Protein backbone atom coordinates (compact mmCIF):
# COMPACT_ATOMS: atom_id res chain seq x y z
CA MET A 1 0.00 0.00 0.00
CA GLU A 2 1.45 3.36 -0.99
CA ALA A 3 1.97 5.86 1.82
CA THR A 4 0.03 8.52 -0.11
CA LEU A 5 -3.10 6.41 0.24
CA LEU A 6 -2.87 6.18 4.01
CA LYS A 7 -5.35 8.90 4.80
CA LYS A 8 -9.03 9.20 5.52
CA ILE A 9 -11.45 9.75 2.69
CA ASN A 10 -13.33 13.02 3.08
CA PHE A 11 -16.89 11.68 3.34
CA THR A 12 -19.79 14.12 3.55
CA PRO A 13 -23.51 13.55 4.29
CA PHE A 14 -25.93 13.31 1.39
CA THR A 15 -28.06 16.32 0.58
CA LEU A 16 -30.83 16.65 -1.97
CA GLN A 17 -28.44 18.63 -4.16
CA ASP A 18 -26.26 15.52 -4.56
CA LYS A 19 -28.98 13.51 -6.31
CA ALA A 20 -28.07 14.43 -9.90
CA LEU A 21 -24.35 13.74 -9.41
CA TYR A 22 -24.94 10.45 -7.63
CA GLU A 23 -27.40 9.20 -10.23
CA GLN A 24 -24.91 9.87 -13.03
CA TYR A 25 -22.73 7.18 -11.49
CA LEU A 26 -25.65 4.89 -10.68
CA ALA A 27 -26.88 5.04 -14.29
CA GLU A 28 -23.61 3.42 -15.43
CA GLU A 29 -24.22 0.39 -13.21
CA LYS A 30 -26.32 -2.72 -13.76
CA GLY A 31 -27.82 -5.09 -11.24
CA ARG A 32 -27.20 -3.14 -8.04
CA GLY A 33 -29.37 -3.78 -4.99
CA CYS A 34 -31.94 -1.38 -3.60
CA GLU A 35 -29.56 -0.05 -0.95
CA PHE A 36 -27.84 1.90 -3.75
CA SER A 37 -30.90 3.96 -4.69
CA PHE A 38 -30.43 7.62 -3.90
CA ALA A 39 -33.70 7.78 -1.99
CA ASN A 40 -32.65 4.97 0.35
CA LEU A 41 -29.22 6.50 0.94
CA TYR A 42 -30.77 9.89 1.68
CA LEU A 43 -33.60 8.61 3.87
CA TRP A 44 -32.03 5.93 6.03
CA GLY A 45 -29.44 6.33 8.75
CA ARG A 46 -26.05 8.00 8.58
CA GLN A 47 -24.96 7.64 4.96
CA ARG A 48 -21.95 9.54 3.65
CA PHE A 49 -20.19 9.66 0.29
CA ALA A 50 -17.15 10.96 -1.57
CA VAL A 51 -15.93 11.04 -5.14
CA GLN A 52 -12.68 9.06 -5.19
CA ASN A 53 -10.64 7.70 -8.11
CA GLY A 54 -13.49 8.19 -10.56
CA HIS A 55 -16.02 6.43 -8.32
CA ILE A 56 -18.65 7.21 -5.73
CA VAL A 57 -17.44 5.77 -2.43
CA LEU A 58 -20.00 5.22 0.35
CA PHE A 59 -19.55 5.01 4.11
CA SER A 60 -22.53 3.69 6.03
CA GLN A 61 -23.66 2.48 9.41
CA PHE A 62 -25.42 -0.86 9.33
CA ASP A 63 -26.39 -2.97 12.33
CA ARG A 64 -24.22 -0.68 14.47
CA ARG A 65 -21.19 -1.34 12.30
CA SER A 66 -19.31 0.85 9.85
CA VAL A 67 -19.36 -0.55 6.32
CA TYR A 68 -18.30 0.44 2.81
CA PRO A 69 -20.89 -0.41 0.12
CA TYR A 70 -19.14 -1.52 -3.06
CA PRO A 71 -18.07 1.64 -4.97
CA LEU A 72 -20.09 2.94 -7.92
CA GLY A 73 -18.33 3.73 -11.16
CA THR A 74 -16.63 2.32 -14.21
CA GLY A 75 -12.95 1.79 -14.80
CA ASP A 76 -10.17 0.35 -12.66
CA LYS A 77 -11.45 -0.68 -9.24
CA ARG A 78 -8.04 -1.31 -7.67
CA PRO A 79 -7.16 2.31 -6.73
CA VAL A 80 -10.55 3.02 -5.17
CA LEU A 81 -10.60 -0.27 -3.26
CA ASP A 82 -7.06 0.42 -2.02
CA ALA A 83 -8.33 3.78 -0.80
CA ILE A 84 -11.21 2.11 1.04
CA ILE A 85 -8.87 -0.36 2.75
CA ALA A 86 -6.57 2.50 3.75
CA ASP A 87 -9.48 4.53 5.07
CA ALA A 88 -10.59 1.66 7.29
CA ARG A 89 -7.05 1.36 8.66
CA GLU A 90 -6.90 5.07 9.41
CA ARG A 91 -10.23 4.86 11.24
CA ASP A 92 -9.05 1.72 13.06
CA ILE A 93 -12.14 -0.24 12.00
CA PRO A 94 -12.50 -3.59 10.19
CA CYS A 95 -12.79 -3.23 6.42
CA ARG A 96 -16.26 -4.54 5.52
CA ILE A 97 -17.45 -4.13 1.94
CA THR A 98 -21.17 -4.70 1.41
CA GLY A 99 -23.63 -4.94 -1.48
CA LEU A 100 -21.46 -7.28 -3.54
CA THR A 101 -23.22 -8.98 -6.43
CA GLY A 102 -21.61 -11.89 -8.26
CA ASP A 103 -19.56 -9.70 -10.62
CA ALA A 104 -18.36 -7.46 -7.81
CA ARG A 105 -17.32 -10.45 -5.73
CA ALA A 106 -15.41 -11.90 -8.68
CA THR A 107 -13.60 -8.57 -9.16
CA LEU A 108 -12.66 -8.36 -5.48
CA GLU A 109 -11.39 -11.96 -5.45
CA ALA A 110 -9.34 -11.35 -8.60
CA LEU A 111 -7.77 -8.13 -7.29
CA TYR A 112 -7.11 -9.44 -3.76
CA PRO A 113 -6.80 -13.24 -4.01
CA GLY A 114 -7.24 -14.87 -0.62
CA LYS A 115 -7.44 -11.54 1.21
CA PHE A 116 -11.21 -11.39 1.82
CA ARG A 117 -13.73 -13.77 3.27
CA PHE A 118 -17.29 -13.61 1.97
CA HIS A 119 -20.61 -13.98 3.72
CA ALA A 120 -23.89 -14.32 1.83
CA ASP A 121 -26.92 -12.87 3.64
CA GLU A 122 -30.21 -14.06 2.19
CA GLY A 123 -32.08 -11.50 4.27
CA SER A 124 -30.55 -8.76 2.12
CA PHE A 125 -31.49 -10.25 -1.27
CA ASP A 126 -33.86 -8.01 -3.26
CA TYR A 127 -37.15 -9.43 -4.54
CA VAL A 128 -37.66 -8.19 -8.11
CA TYR A 129 -40.99 -8.74 -9.88
CA ASP A 130 -42.18 -8.53 -13.45
CA ILE A 131 -44.46 -5.50 -13.44
CA ASP A 132 -47.04 -7.29 -15.61
CA ASP A 133 -47.27 -10.12 -13.06
CA LEU A 134 -48.11 -7.68 -10.26
CA ALA A 135 -50.41 -5.55 -12.41
CA ASP A 136 -52.44 -8.43 -13.90
CA LEU A 137 -52.12 -11.33 -11.41
CA LYS A 138 -52.82 -13.84 -14.15
CA GLY A 139 -52.75 -17.60 -13.79
CA LYS A 140 -53.32 -20.23 -11.14
CA LYS A 141 -50.42 -19.13 -8.92
CA TYR A 142 -52.16 -15.80 -8.24
CA HIS A 143 -55.58 -17.31 -7.53
CA ALA A 144 -55.37 -16.52 -3.79
CA LYS A 145 -54.35 -12.93 -4.49
CA ARG A 146 -57.32 -12.44 -6.81
CA ASN A 147 -59.60 -13.81 -4.10
CA HIS A 148 -58.22 -11.28 -1.61
CA LEU A 149 -58.87 -8.49 -4.08
CA HIS A 150 -62.38 -9.76 -4.80
CA ARG A 151 -63.28 -9.73 -1.11
CA PHE A 152 -61.73 -6.29 -0.74
CA ALA A 153 -63.82 -4.94 -3.63
CA GLU A 154 -66.97 -6.45 -2.15
CA THR A 155 -66.30 -4.83 1.22
CA PHE A 156 -65.30 -1.46 -0.24
CA PRO A 157 -67.14 -1.13 -3.57
CA ALA A 158 -66.62 2.64 -3.68
CA HIS A 159 -62.88 2.59 -2.89
CA THR A 160 -60.65 4.97 -4.84
CA THR A 161 -56.95 5.26 -5.64
CA GLU A 162 -55.28 8.63 -6.00
CA GLU A 163 -51.78 10.01 -6.25
CA LEU A 164 -50.17 11.24 -3.05
CA GLY A 165 -50.29 15.03 -2.81
CA LYS A 166 -50.84 17.97 -0.51
CA SER A 167 -54.57 17.36 -0.27
CA ASN A 168 -54.35 13.81 1.09
CA LEU A 169 -51.02 14.09 2.95
CA PRO A 170 -52.61 14.94 6.35
CA ALA A 171 -54.85 11.87 6.14
CA VAL A 172 -51.86 9.69 5.23
CA ARG A 173 -49.92 10.98 8.24
CA GLN A 174 -52.91 10.24 10.47
CA MET A 175 -53.14 6.71 9.10
CA LEU A 176 -49.42 6.20 9.75
CA GLN A 177 -49.70 7.43 13.32
CA GLU A 178 -52.48 4.92 13.93
CA TRP A 179 -50.49 2.18 12.19
CA TYR A 180 -47.48 2.66 14.47
CA GLU A 181 -49.68 2.95 17.57
CA THR A 182 -51.33 -0.37 16.71
CA ARG A 183 -47.99 -2.12 16.18
CA LEU A 184 -46.54 -0.77 19.40
CA ALA A 185 -49.62 -1.85 21.32
CA GLU A 186 -49.11 -5.37 19.95
CA ASN A 187 -45.36 -5.34 20.65
CA PRO A 188 -44.24 -2.59 23.07
CA ASN A 189 -40.58 -3.57 22.61
CA ALA A 190 -40.61 -3.05 18.85
CA ASP A 191 -38.38 -0.28 17.51
CA TYR A 192 -39.97 1.65 14.66
CA HIS A 193 -38.06 4.87 15.30
CA MET A 194 -35.69 4.67 12.31
CA GLU A 195 -38.41 3.59 9.89
CA ALA A 196 -40.82 6.29 11.08
CA ALA A 197 -38.10 8.95 10.74
CA ALA A 198 -37.21 7.79 7.22
CA LEU A 199 -40.86 7.73 6.20
CA GLU A 200 -41.54 11.22 7.49
CA LYS A 201 -38.44 12.47 5.67
CA ALA A 202 -39.73 10.79 2.50
CA LEU A 203 -43.10 12.51 2.81
CA ARG A 204 -41.45 15.86 3.44
CA ASP A 205 -38.97 15.66 0.54
CA ARG A 206 -40.99 13.49 -1.84
CA GLU A 207 -40.95 16.00 -4.70
CA ALA A 208 -37.18 16.61 -4.60
CA LEU A 209 -36.59 12.86 -4.38
CA GLU A 210 -39.02 12.30 -7.29
CA LEU A 211 -40.98 9.79 -5.24
CA GLU A 212 -44.28 8.59 -6.65
CA GLY A 213 -47.01 7.77 -4.15
CA LEU A 214 -50.46 6.22 -4.30
CA VAL A 215 -53.18 6.38 -1.67
CA LEU A 216 -55.99 3.83 -1.35
CA LYS A 217 -59.10 5.36 0.20
CA ASN A 218 -62.64 4.54 1.21
CA GLY A 219 -64.34 7.91 1.26
CA ASP A 220 -62.04 10.14 3.31
CA GLU A 221 -60.42 7.22 5.15
CA VAL A 222 -56.95 6.07 4.09
CA LEU A 223 -56.73 2.29 3.88
CA ALA A 224 -53.22 2.01 2.44
CA PHE A 225 -50.48 3.97 0.75
CA THR A 226 -47.16 3.34 -1.00
CA LEU A 227 -44.08 5.28 -2.13
CA ALA A 228 -41.64 4.33 -4.91
CA SER A 229 -38.94 5.89 -7.07
CA ARG A 230 -37.21 5.11 -10.32
CA PHE A 231 -34.06 3.06 -9.73
CA SER A 232 -32.97 2.48 -13.32
CA GLU A 233 -34.36 2.70 -16.83
CA ASP A 234 -36.35 -0.51 -16.40
CA THR A 235 -36.90 -0.73 -12.60
CA PHE A 236 -38.83 1.11 -9.90
CA ASP A 237 -37.91 0.62 -6.24
CA VAL A 238 -40.83 0.33 -3.78
CA HIS A 239 -39.62 2.03 -0.61
CA PHE A 240 -42.68 2.01 1.63
CA GLU A 241 -46.01 0.24 1.70
CA LYS A 242 -48.42 0.49 4.63
CA ALA A 243 -51.98 -0.74 4.98
CA ARG A 244 -54.49 -1.11 7.77
CA ALA A 245 -54.11 -4.58 9.25
CA ASP A 246 -57.86 -4.87 9.87
CA VAL A 247 -58.70 -4.38 6.18
CA GLN A 248 -58.38 -7.67 4.34
CA GLY A 249 -56.91 -7.23 0.88
CA ALA A 250 -55.64 -3.68 1.40
CA TYR A 251 -52.01 -4.66 0.86
CA ALA A 252 -52.89 -6.64 -2.26
CA ALA A 253 -54.95 -3.72 -3.58
CA ILE A 254 -52.26 -1.07 -3.14
CA ASN A 255 -49.61 -3.43 -4.54
CA ARG A 256 -51.61 -4.02 -7.74
CA ALA A 257 -52.59 -0.37 -8.02
CA LEU A 258 -48.95 0.75 -7.92
CA ALA A 259 -47.92 -1.77 -10.59
CA ARG A 260 -50.69 -0.58 -12.88
CA HIS A 261 -49.91 3.08 -12.21
CA ILE A 262 -46.19 2.69 -12.95
CA ARG A 263 -46.82 0.58 -16.05
CA GLN A 264 -49.16 3.17 -17.51
CA LYS A 265 -47.04 6.20 -16.61
CA HIS A 266 -43.60 4.70 -17.38
CA PRO A 267 -43.91 2.24 -20.31
CA THR A 268 -40.19 1.32 -20.30
CA VAL A 269 -40.32 -0.01 -16.73
CA ARG A 270 -40.33 -3.81 -16.63
CA TYR A 271 -39.66 -4.55 -12.98
CA LEU A 272 -40.62 -3.55 -9.45
CA ASP A 273 -37.93 -4.06 -6.80
CA ARG A 274 -39.79 -4.71 -3.55
CA GLU A 275 -36.54 -4.81 -1.59
CA GLU A 276 -35.40 -7.38 0.97
CA ASP A 277 -37.11 -9.47 3.65
CA MET A 278 -34.49 -8.71 6.38
CA GLY A 279 -34.57 -12.36 7.39
CA LEU A 280 -38.10 -12.02 8.80
CA GLU A 281 -39.99 -15.24 8.08
CA GLY A 282 -43.41 -13.62 7.75
CA LEU A 283 -42.10 -10.97 5.36
CA ARG A 284 -40.24 -13.63 3.39
CA ARG A 285 -43.42 -15.67 2.91
CA ALA A 286 -45.31 -12.55 1.84
CA LYS A 287 -42.70 -11.62 -0.75
CA GLN A 288 -42.39 -15.17 -2.06
CA SER A 289 -46.16 -15.40 -2.43
CA TYR A 290 -45.94 -12.92 -5.31
CA TYR A 291 -43.43 -15.11 -7.19
CA PRO A 292 -40.47 -12.82 -7.94
CA HIS A 293 -39.02 -12.78 -11.42
CA HIS A 294 -35.54 -12.91 -9.84
CA GLN A 295 -33.60 -11.88 -6.76
CA VAL A 296 -30.56 -9.64 -6.52
CA GLU A 297 -28.17 -11.80 -4.53
CA LYS A 298 -25.57 -9.97 -2.48
CA CYS A 299 -22.84 -10.71 0.03
CA TRP A 300 -20.42 -9.00 2.39
CA ALA A 301 -16.63 -9.11 2.18
CA CYS A 302 -14.42 -8.86 5.25
CA LEU A 303 -10.67 -8.30 5.10
CA LEU A 304 -9.15 -11.36 6.75
CA GLU A 305 -6.19 -9.51 8.25
CA ASP A 306 -8.68 -7.49 10.32
CA GLY A 307 -10.16 -10.67 11.77
CA TYR A 308 -13.30 -12.19 10.29
CA ASP A 309 -16.12 -9.98 11.50
CA TYR A 310 -19.30 -9.74 9.45
């Protein structure tokens, strides 16, 4: 390692003004996971970035650990990865590189043979769906989903779907407050603080983030809502989806409504990334029940000389 590299990278927090620059680099990439969307980086936790050796370098906190998501950019990865390793040494932290897809792992193994150990985490795999499957729910495998929607329509024959905007935002916030109160009453030890903070930030900055939202209503009452943003030319990332637990079929209804809305408004979009299941069995079953087109498989890499710590 050259002595000139032994210095900290000058990471700075994301601001809304960084969106255009960041997405220039993201547009050059294929197959990245949802954690690389600008909206997720801006909304969740303490995310920082720097431009280094022709790449976007990220520094994040995940599960109370400092990590370096695999750098964004084209060209030679060796200088930027050397800089990341040096930065971790200067900070006296283990070098953990996250968000590695198969190609990224192969590159890291080729550049640093035997230097990293890898850990696959199925809980972080993205579930990516064909937008037509979610919009149309055709075939025997979606029979149960169509039944849920049929019962929902029978119960709420006058339900409406509208885009999220200033007029319905207060009702959405009220629904969210009730949603969190219900969950906390069921499980007082649950921690929704980070999610609630990210969601409020998303509602506040939705226009600057170019988030698209839908609200499912029965009269003036909000039954469900969702927020998504464009991740790539052919994919939208679904960031949030909330529905009243006592309304059967509300989740299925808002899910289908979003797929139809995106398909009509953005004809080049082929996929909806509904993000990961975080290793939660109930969430995993729910996501599998919609039969994903594919998953974005990712792993972590830990520098062995730091001690194997994932």
